[in-house]
N, C-alpha and C. Protein backbone atom coordinates (compact mmCIF):
# COMPACT_ATOMS: atom_id res chain seq x y z
N MET A 1 -9.02 -9.00 18.20
CA MET A 1 -8.43 -7.79 18.70
C MET A 1 -9.44 -6.64 18.70
N ILE A 2 -10.18 -6.51 17.61
CA ILE A 2 -11.16 -5.42 17.54
C ILE A 2 -12.22 -5.58 18.62
N ASN A 3 -12.68 -6.80 18.84
CA ASN A 3 -13.69 -7.02 19.88
C ASN A 3 -13.15 -6.73 21.27
N ALA A 4 -11.88 -7.02 21.50
CA ALA A 4 -11.28 -6.71 22.80
C ALA A 4 -11.25 -5.20 23.02
N ILE A 5 -10.93 -4.46 21.99
CA ILE A 5 -10.93 -3.00 22.10
C ILE A 5 -12.35 -2.50 22.32
N ARG A 6 -13.30 -3.05 21.60
CA ARG A 6 -14.71 -2.64 21.77
C ARG A 6 -15.21 -2.96 23.17
N THR A 7 -14.77 -4.07 23.73
CA THR A 7 -15.18 -4.45 25.08
C THR A 7 -14.64 -3.45 26.10
N SER A 8 -13.43 -2.99 25.89
CA SER A 8 -12.84 -2.05 26.85
C SER A 8 -13.41 -0.64 26.70
N ALA A 9 -13.98 -0.33 25.55
CA ALA A 9 -14.58 1.00 25.31
C ALA A 9 -15.84 0.82 24.47
N PRO A 10 -16.88 0.23 25.05
CA PRO A 10 -18.06 -0.15 24.28
C PRO A 10 -18.87 1.00 23.69
N ASN A 11 -18.78 2.17 24.24
CA ASN A 11 -19.56 3.31 23.74
C ASN A 11 -18.76 4.22 22.82
N SER A 12 -17.56 3.81 22.48
CA SER A 12 -16.69 4.62 21.65
C SER A 12 -16.86 4.29 20.17
N THR A 13 -16.42 5.20 19.35
CA THR A 13 -16.34 4.98 17.91
C THR A 13 -14.94 4.51 17.60
N HIS A 14 -14.83 3.48 16.76
CA HIS A 14 -13.53 2.88 16.47
C HIS A 14 -13.23 2.97 14.98
N LEU A 15 -12.09 3.51 14.64
CA LEU A 15 -11.63 3.61 13.27
C LEU A 15 -10.49 2.62 13.08
N ILE A 16 -10.68 1.65 12.20
CA ILE A 16 -9.69 0.62 11.96
C ILE A 16 -9.00 0.94 10.64
N LEU A 17 -7.69 1.18 10.70
CA LEU A 17 -6.91 1.50 9.52
C LEU A 17 -6.16 0.27 9.01
N VAL A 18 -6.07 0.15 7.70
CA VAL A 18 -5.24 -0.88 7.09
C VAL A 18 -3.78 -0.47 7.31
N PRO A 19 -2.90 -1.41 7.62
CA PRO A 19 -1.48 -1.05 7.73
C PRO A 19 -0.99 -0.40 6.43
N PHE A 20 -0.05 0.50 6.55
CA PHE A 20 0.41 1.25 5.39
C PHE A 20 1.04 0.37 4.32
N ASN A 21 1.54 -0.81 4.69
CA ASN A 21 2.10 -1.71 3.68
C ASN A 21 1.01 -2.59 3.05
N GLN A 22 -0.24 -2.33 3.39
CA GLN A 22 -1.42 -2.95 2.79
C GLN A 22 -1.58 -4.44 3.09
N THR A 23 -0.99 -4.92 4.17
CA THR A 23 -1.16 -6.32 4.54
C THR A 23 -2.47 -6.52 5.28
N HIS A 24 -3.01 -7.70 5.17
CA HIS A 24 -4.21 -8.13 5.89
C HIS A 24 -5.48 -7.35 5.53
N ILE A 25 -5.53 -6.78 4.33
CA ILE A 25 -6.70 -6.00 3.94
C ILE A 25 -7.97 -6.85 4.04
N SER A 26 -7.97 -8.03 3.43
CA SER A 26 -9.18 -8.85 3.43
C SER A 26 -9.54 -9.32 4.83
N ASP A 27 -8.55 -9.59 5.67
CA ASP A 27 -8.82 -9.99 7.06
C ASP A 27 -9.49 -8.86 7.83
N ILE A 28 -8.99 -7.64 7.65
CA ILE A 28 -9.54 -6.49 8.36
C ILE A 28 -10.95 -6.19 7.87
N GLU A 29 -11.14 -6.20 6.56
CA GLU A 29 -12.49 -5.97 6.01
C GLU A 29 -13.47 -7.00 6.54
N ALA A 30 -13.06 -8.27 6.55
CA ALA A 30 -13.94 -9.35 7.02
C ALA A 30 -14.26 -9.18 8.51
N ALA A 31 -13.28 -8.80 9.31
CA ALA A 31 -13.52 -8.62 10.74
C ALA A 31 -14.49 -7.48 11.00
N VAL A 32 -14.31 -6.37 10.31
CA VAL A 32 -15.20 -5.22 10.50
C VAL A 32 -16.61 -5.55 10.01
N THR A 33 -16.70 -6.25 8.89
CA THR A 33 -18.01 -6.65 8.37
C THR A 33 -18.70 -7.61 9.33
N ALA A 34 -17.95 -8.55 9.88
CA ALA A 34 -18.53 -9.52 10.82
C ALA A 34 -19.04 -8.85 12.09
N ILE A 35 -18.36 -7.83 12.52
CA ILE A 35 -18.80 -7.10 13.71
C ILE A 35 -20.12 -6.40 13.42
N GLY A 36 -20.23 -5.80 12.27
CA GLY A 36 -21.49 -5.19 11.84
C GLY A 36 -21.99 -4.07 12.72
N SER A 37 -21.09 -3.28 13.26
CA SER A 37 -21.48 -2.19 14.14
C SER A 37 -21.24 -0.85 13.45
N ALA A 38 -22.18 0.06 13.62
CA ALA A 38 -22.01 1.41 13.09
C ALA A 38 -20.90 2.15 13.82
N ASN A 39 -20.48 1.63 14.97
CA ASN A 39 -19.41 2.27 15.75
C ASN A 39 -18.02 1.78 15.35
N VAL A 40 -17.95 0.90 14.35
CA VAL A 40 -16.66 0.40 13.89
C VAL A 40 -16.56 0.70 12.39
N THR A 41 -15.56 1.49 12.02
CA THR A 41 -15.37 1.91 10.64
C THR A 41 -14.01 1.43 10.15
N TYR A 42 -13.99 0.96 8.93
CA TYR A 42 -12.76 0.50 8.27
C TYR A 42 -12.30 1.58 7.29
N GLN A 43 -10.98 1.79 7.21
CA GLN A 43 -10.45 2.78 6.26
C GLN A 43 -9.20 2.22 5.59
N GLY A 44 -9.22 2.17 4.28
CA GLY A 44 -8.02 1.81 3.53
C GLY A 44 -7.00 2.93 3.60
N THR A 45 -5.75 2.60 3.34
CA THR A 45 -4.68 3.59 3.41
C THR A 45 -3.79 3.56 2.17
N SER A 46 -4.27 2.97 1.12
CA SER A 46 -3.48 2.88 -0.10
C SER A 46 -3.13 4.28 -0.61
N GLY A 47 -1.86 4.49 -0.89
CA GLY A 47 -1.40 5.78 -1.38
C GLY A 47 -1.13 6.81 -0.29
N TRP A 48 -1.31 6.45 0.94
CA TRP A 48 -1.10 7.38 2.05
C TRP A 48 0.37 7.50 2.43
N PHE A 49 1.17 6.55 2.01
CA PHE A 49 2.52 6.44 2.55
C PHE A 49 3.44 5.86 1.50
N ASN A 50 4.58 6.48 1.32
CA ASN A 50 5.61 5.97 0.42
C ASN A 50 6.59 5.15 1.27
N THR A 51 6.72 3.89 0.96
CA THR A 51 7.56 3.02 1.78
C THR A 51 9.03 3.45 1.79
N ALA A 52 9.42 4.29 0.84
CA ALA A 52 10.79 4.82 0.86
C ALA A 52 10.98 5.78 2.04
N ASP A 53 9.88 6.27 2.59
CA ASP A 53 9.94 7.18 3.74
C ASP A 53 9.83 6.40 5.05
N SER A 54 10.54 5.29 5.10
CA SER A 54 10.47 4.40 6.26
C SER A 54 11.74 3.57 6.34
N VAL A 55 12.11 3.21 7.53
CA VAL A 55 13.27 2.35 7.70
C VAL A 55 12.95 0.90 7.34
N ASP A 56 11.68 0.50 7.49
CA ASP A 56 11.32 -0.90 7.27
C ASP A 56 10.17 -1.10 6.29
N GLY A 57 9.70 -0.03 5.66
CA GLY A 57 8.60 -0.14 4.71
C GLY A 57 7.24 -0.21 5.36
N VAL A 58 7.19 -0.16 6.68
CA VAL A 58 5.92 -0.24 7.41
C VAL A 58 5.71 0.97 8.31
N HIS A 59 6.72 1.32 9.05
CA HIS A 59 6.61 2.39 10.05
C HIS A 59 7.20 3.68 9.49
N PRO A 60 6.36 4.69 9.28
CA PRO A 60 6.83 5.91 8.64
C PRO A 60 7.75 6.74 9.54
N TYR A 61 8.69 7.41 8.88
CA TYR A 61 9.48 8.40 9.61
C TYR A 61 8.54 9.51 10.07
N ASN A 62 8.92 10.24 11.09
CA ASN A 62 8.07 11.27 11.67
C ASN A 62 7.59 12.29 10.64
N TYR A 63 8.46 12.73 9.75
CA TYR A 63 8.04 13.72 8.76
C TYR A 63 6.95 13.17 7.85
N SER A 64 6.97 11.86 7.58
CA SER A 64 5.91 11.26 6.76
C SER A 64 4.56 11.35 7.45
N SER A 65 4.57 11.12 8.75
CA SER A 65 3.32 11.18 9.51
C SER A 65 2.72 12.58 9.44
N VAL A 66 3.56 13.57 9.59
CA VAL A 66 3.08 14.94 9.65
C VAL A 66 2.71 15.48 8.27
N TYR A 67 3.57 15.27 7.29
CA TYR A 67 3.39 15.90 5.99
C TYR A 67 2.54 15.10 5.01
N PHE A 68 2.57 13.78 5.09
CA PHE A 68 1.88 12.97 4.10
C PHE A 68 0.65 12.25 4.64
N ILE A 69 0.76 11.70 5.82
CA ILE A 69 -0.32 10.87 6.35
C ILE A 69 -1.39 11.70 7.04
N ALA A 70 -1.01 12.62 7.89
CA ALA A 70 -1.99 13.41 8.65
C ALA A 70 -3.00 14.14 7.77
N PRO A 71 -2.59 14.76 6.66
CA PRO A 71 -3.60 15.43 5.83
C PRO A 71 -4.62 14.47 5.21
N LYS A 72 -4.24 13.22 5.03
CA LYS A 72 -5.18 12.22 4.51
C LYS A 72 -6.06 11.66 5.63
N LEU A 73 -5.48 11.56 6.82
CA LEU A 73 -6.19 10.98 7.95
C LEU A 73 -7.21 11.94 8.55
N PHE A 74 -6.88 13.21 8.63
CA PHE A 74 -7.76 14.17 9.29
C PHE A 74 -9.19 14.16 8.76
N PRO A 75 -9.43 14.24 7.44
CA PRO A 75 -10.82 14.25 6.99
C PRO A 75 -11.56 12.94 7.28
N VAL A 76 -10.81 11.84 7.33
CA VAL A 76 -11.43 10.55 7.66
C VAL A 76 -11.88 10.56 9.11
N VAL A 77 -11.00 10.97 10.01
CA VAL A 77 -11.35 11.03 11.43
C VAL A 77 -12.51 12.00 11.64
N GLU A 78 -12.45 13.13 11.00
CA GLU A 78 -13.52 14.11 11.12
C GLU A 78 -14.87 13.54 10.68
N SER A 79 -14.89 12.82 9.57
CA SER A 79 -16.15 12.25 9.09
C SER A 79 -16.68 11.14 9.99
N VAL A 80 -15.77 10.41 10.66
CA VAL A 80 -16.19 9.36 11.58
C VAL A 80 -16.74 9.97 12.87
N LEU A 81 -16.07 10.99 13.37
CA LEU A 81 -16.50 11.61 14.62
C LEU A 81 -17.74 12.50 14.44
N TYR A 82 -17.86 13.12 13.30
CA TYR A 82 -18.96 14.08 13.06
C TYR A 82 -19.65 13.76 11.75
N PRO A 83 -20.28 12.60 11.63
CA PRO A 83 -20.85 12.19 10.34
C PRO A 83 -21.96 13.09 9.83
N ALA A 84 -22.75 13.65 10.70
CA ALA A 84 -23.89 14.45 10.25
C ALA A 84 -23.49 15.85 9.84
N THR A 85 -22.53 16.44 10.53
CA THR A 85 -22.20 17.83 10.28
C THR A 85 -20.95 18.01 9.43
N GLY A 86 -20.06 17.01 9.41
CA GLY A 86 -18.81 17.14 8.69
C GLY A 86 -17.75 17.90 9.48
N HIS A 87 -18.12 18.43 10.65
CA HIS A 87 -17.14 19.10 11.52
C HIS A 87 -17.71 19.31 12.91
């Protein structure tokens, strides 16, 4: 899947997030490591999301995205997009 995305946007930077329920961590790490590209970054999400703030333990309610997840995600995205300057 990651290679298909890279093929469709080869000059882009790709941030791969672990699902909030923490499944497939080792698979995702192995895939990103195997790709070995500076344009592909892996990010864990442990502690980013309380499964009680979800109907199924995986997909957060909208307020969770805005109040809990976005503040954790923003600095990660910023560091991936602007690694040298930080902004």
